[in-house]
Amino acid sequence: MKIRIETHEDTKQIHSITYQAFENHPHHEPGAKPTEHLIVDGLRRDNALTVSLVCEANNEVIGHIAFSPILVNGEASTWVGLGPVSVLPEHQGKGIGGALIREGEAQIKQLGYQGIVLLGDPSYYGRFGFESHPNLTFAGVPAEYFLVKGFENTIPKGEVNYHKAFFETA
């Protein structure tokens, strides 16, 4: 297994992997098509991928993770959003998503960011130190599913907004 920065040649595979990873995801309404692949496409189109990594096994891309800038109270911040993280269904449950999260976090820290936010399952992301925190909120989402991980003791206070690509898919 090898984790590396995405290249232009990975774009179609990332699109397919992300679609497949979310195709039967339990947070989607029955019969609804996934849109997470469109988020990644939009972030890439707008040059808003802070870090974009793929996981390869046997020379095949089998996973992807995206990090992008966020706003806190409408202002640019030193924090990023994680998501989506995608692994081909036949490779899920093998630690690939976790490896992508850990490597992505290391690269985000190295770039000087102060922390990461995400919308996700607290039982999964809690393993990596993510937790809900009253300082940061995301409108319309129950607090227990909006998770943060600060790299220093200071967590900003306010409402988070993601890049517009997260909202153009509906």
Protein backbone atom coordinates (compact mmCIF):
# COMPACT_ATOMS: atom_id res chain seq x y z
CA MET A 1 0.00 0.00 0.00
CA LYS A 2 1.34 3.41 -1.00
CA ILE A 3 -0.11 6.84 -0.20
CA ARG A 4 0.85 9.73 -2.46
CA ILE A 5 -0.34 13.11 -3.73
CA GLU A 6 -2.89 12.82 -6.52
CA THR A 7 -1.82 13.49 -10.09
CA HIS A 8 -3.86 14.60 -13.09
CA GLU A 9 -3.89 10.98 -14.28
CA ASP A 10 -5.78 9.96 -11.10
CA THR A 11 -8.76 12.26 -11.68
CA LYS A 12 -11.11 9.75 -13.37
CA GLN A 13 -10.25 7.01 -10.87
CA ILE A 14 -10.85 9.35 -7.92
CA HIS A 15 -14.23 10.31 -9.39
CA SER A 16 -15.19 6.63 -9.74
CA ILE A 17 -13.83 5.57 -6.33
CA THR A 18 -15.68 8.37 -4.56
CA TYR A 19 -18.95 7.55 -6.31
CA GLN A 20 -18.64 3.83 -5.51
CA ALA A 21 -17.63 4.45 -1.90
CA PHE A 22 -20.78 6.49 -1.25
CA GLU A 23 -23.19 4.68 -3.58
CA ASN A 24 -24.86 2.67 -0.80
CA HIS A 25 -23.80 4.80 2.14
CA PRO A 26 -26.30 4.77 5.03
CA HIS A 27 -26.51 8.58 5.29
CA HIS A 28 -28.03 8.80 1.81
CA GLU A 29 -31.79 8.57 1.44
CA PRO A 30 -32.92 5.31 -0.20
CA GLY A 31 -32.62 5.59 -3.97
CA ALA A 32 -30.61 8.82 -3.82
CA LYS A 33 -27.46 9.03 -5.89
CA PRO A 34 -24.22 10.04 -4.17
CA THR A 35 -22.82 13.54 -4.76
CA GLU A 36 -19.49 13.33 -2.96
CA HIS A 37 -17.62 12.75 -6.23
CA LEU A 38 -19.03 16.06 -7.49
CA ILE A 39 -17.65 17.81 -4.39
CA VAL A 40 -14.14 16.58 -5.18
CA ASP A 41 -14.57 17.57 -8.84
CA GLY A 42 -15.69 21.07 -7.77
CA LEU A 43 -12.83 21.51 -5.33
CA ARG A 44 -10.36 20.47 -8.01
CA ARG A 45 -11.99 22.75 -10.62
CA ASP A 46 -11.68 25.73 -8.26
CA ASN A 47 -8.12 24.83 -7.22
CA ALA A 48 -9.39 24.42 -3.65
CA LEU A 49 -7.80 21.09 -2.75
CA THR A 50 -5.37 21.95 0.03
CA VAL A 51 -4.20 18.32 0.16
CA SER A 52 -5.48 15.51 -2.06
CA LEU A 53 -4.03 12.05 -1.52
CA VAL A 54 -4.60 8.67 -3.09
CA CYS A 55 -3.87 5.19 -1.82
CA GLU A 56 -2.49 2.65 -4.28
CA ALA A 57 -2.30 -1.11 -3.99
CA ASN A 58 -0.88 -3.25 -6.79
CA ASN A 59 -0.57 -0.14 -9.00
CA GLU A 60 -4.33 0.56 -8.67
CA VAL A 61 -5.80 3.61 -6.93
CA ILE A 62 -8.19 2.26 -4.29
CA GLY A 63 -8.71 5.23 -1.97
CA HIS A 64 -8.73 9.02 -1.82
CA ILE A 65 -8.93 11.81 0.74
CA ALA A 66 -9.50 15.54 0.24
CA PHE A 67 -8.76 18.50 2.49
CA SER A 68 -9.97 22.00 1.60
CA PRO A 69 -10.07 25.48 3.13
CA ILE A 70 -12.88 26.50 5.46
CA LEU A 71 -14.19 29.81 6.69
CA VAL A 72 -14.86 30.56 10.35
CA ASN A 73 -17.42 33.34 10.83
CA GLY A 74 -17.09 34.15 7.13
CA GLU A 75 -13.33 34.73 7.35
CA ALA A 76 -10.41 32.70 6.03
CA SER A 77 -8.92 30.51 8.73
CA THR A 78 -5.89 28.40 9.56
CA TRP A 79 -8.12 25.31 9.64
CA VAL A 80 -9.18 22.93 6.86
CA GLY A 81 -12.07 20.60 6.24
CA LEU A 82 -11.53 16.88 5.75
CA GLY A 83 -13.75 15.16 3.27
CA PRO A 84 -14.69 13.24 1.55
CA VAL A 85 -12.54 10.21 2.31
CA SER A 86 -13.30 7.35 -0.04
CA VAL A 87 -12.22 3.73 -0.35
CA LEU A 88 -13.46 1.25 -2.94
CA PRO A 89 -16.11 -0.93 -1.26
CA GLU A 90 -14.11 -4.16 -1.70
CA HIS A 91 -11.18 -2.57 0.17
CA GLN A 92 -13.14 -0.99 3.03
CA GLY A 93 -12.49 -2.18 6.57
CA LYS A 94 -8.79 -2.80 5.91
CA GLY A 95 -7.40 0.40 7.48
CA ILE A 96 -7.00 2.31 4.21
CA GLY A 97 -9.24 5.20 5.26
CA GLY A 98 -7.35 5.46 8.54
CA ALA A 99 -4.01 5.50 6.76
CA LEU A 100 -5.24 8.26 4.46
CA ILE A 101 -6.51 10.28 7.44
CA ARG A 102 -3.21 9.95 9.34
CA GLU A 103 -1.06 10.85 6.32
CA GLY A 104 -3.35 13.72 5.38
CA GLU A 105 -3.24 15.07 8.93
CA ALA A 106 0.57 14.90 8.91
CA GLN A 107 0.71 16.87 5.66
CA ILE A 108 -1.81 19.44 6.89
CA LYS A 109 0.27 19.99 10.04
CA GLN A 110 3.43 20.30 7.96
CA LEU A 111 1.74 23.03 5.89
CA GLY A 112 1.15 25.00 9.12
CA TYR A 113 -2.59 24.60 9.57
CA GLN A 114 -3.97 24.69 13.11
CA GLY A 115 -6.63 21.99 12.85
CA ILE A 116 -9.19 20.01 10.90
CA VAL A 117 -12.99 19.89 10.91
CA LEU A 118 -15.27 17.26 9.40
CA LEU A 119 -18.82 16.09 9.22
CA GLY A 120 -18.98 12.40 10.05
CA ASP A 121 -19.55 9.44 12.31
CA PRO A 122 -18.13 10.17 15.77
CA SER A 123 -17.53 6.47 16.50
CA TYR A 124 -15.24 6.21 13.45
CA TYR A 125 -13.48 9.58 13.53
CA GLY A 126 -13.16 9.54 17.31
CA ARG A 127 -10.45 6.88 16.86
CA PHE A 128 -8.31 9.57 15.27
CA GLY A 129 -8.86 12.17 17.98
CA PHE A 130 -11.79 14.03 16.41
CA GLU A 131 -14.56 15.18 18.73
CA SER A 132 -17.38 17.67 18.84
CA HIS A 133 -16.45 20.98 20.42
CA PRO A 134 -18.77 23.83 21.41
CA ASN A 135 -16.47 26.48 19.90
CA LEU A 136 -17.08 25.41 16.30
CA THR A 137 -20.48 24.79 14.78
CA PHE A 138 -21.90 23.95 11.37
CA ALA A 139 -25.44 25.17 10.71
CA GLY A 140 -28.13 22.53 10.35
CA VAL A 141 -26.03 19.65 11.65
CA PRO A 142 -26.36 17.99 15.06
CA ALA A 143 -23.30 18.96 17.12
CA GLU A 144 -22.24 15.35 17.72
CA TYR A 145 -21.59 14.85 13.97
CA PHE A 146 -19.53 18.00 13.42
CA LEU A 147 -16.08 17.06 14.66
CA VAL A 148 -12.83 18.94 15.17
CA LYS A 149 -9.22 18.16 15.87
CA GLY A 150 -6.95 21.02 16.88
CA PHE A 151 -3.19 20.70 16.71
CA GLU A 152 -2.68 23.32 19.40
CA ASN A 153 -4.65 24.21 22.51
CA THR A 154 -6.62 27.00 20.80
CA ILE A 155 -9.80 26.18 18.91
CA PRO A 156 -11.41 29.13 17.14
CA LYS A 157 -14.95 30.09 18.02
CA GLY A 158 -17.66 30.47 15.44
CA GLU A 159 -19.63 28.99 12.60
CA VAL A 160 -17.82 27.02 9.91
CA ASN A 161 -18.53 27.21 6.20
CA TYR A 162 -17.10 24.85 3.62
CA HIS A 163 -16.10 25.69 0.06
CA LYS A 164 -19.03 26.27 -2.32
CA ALA A 165 -18.36 22.90 -4.02
CA PHE A 166 -20.03 21.21 -1.03
CA PHE A 167 -23.29 22.98 -1.81
CA GLU A 168 -23.38 22.92 -5.61
CA THR A 169 -24.19 19.21 -5.79
CA ALA A 170 -27.78 19.23 -4.55
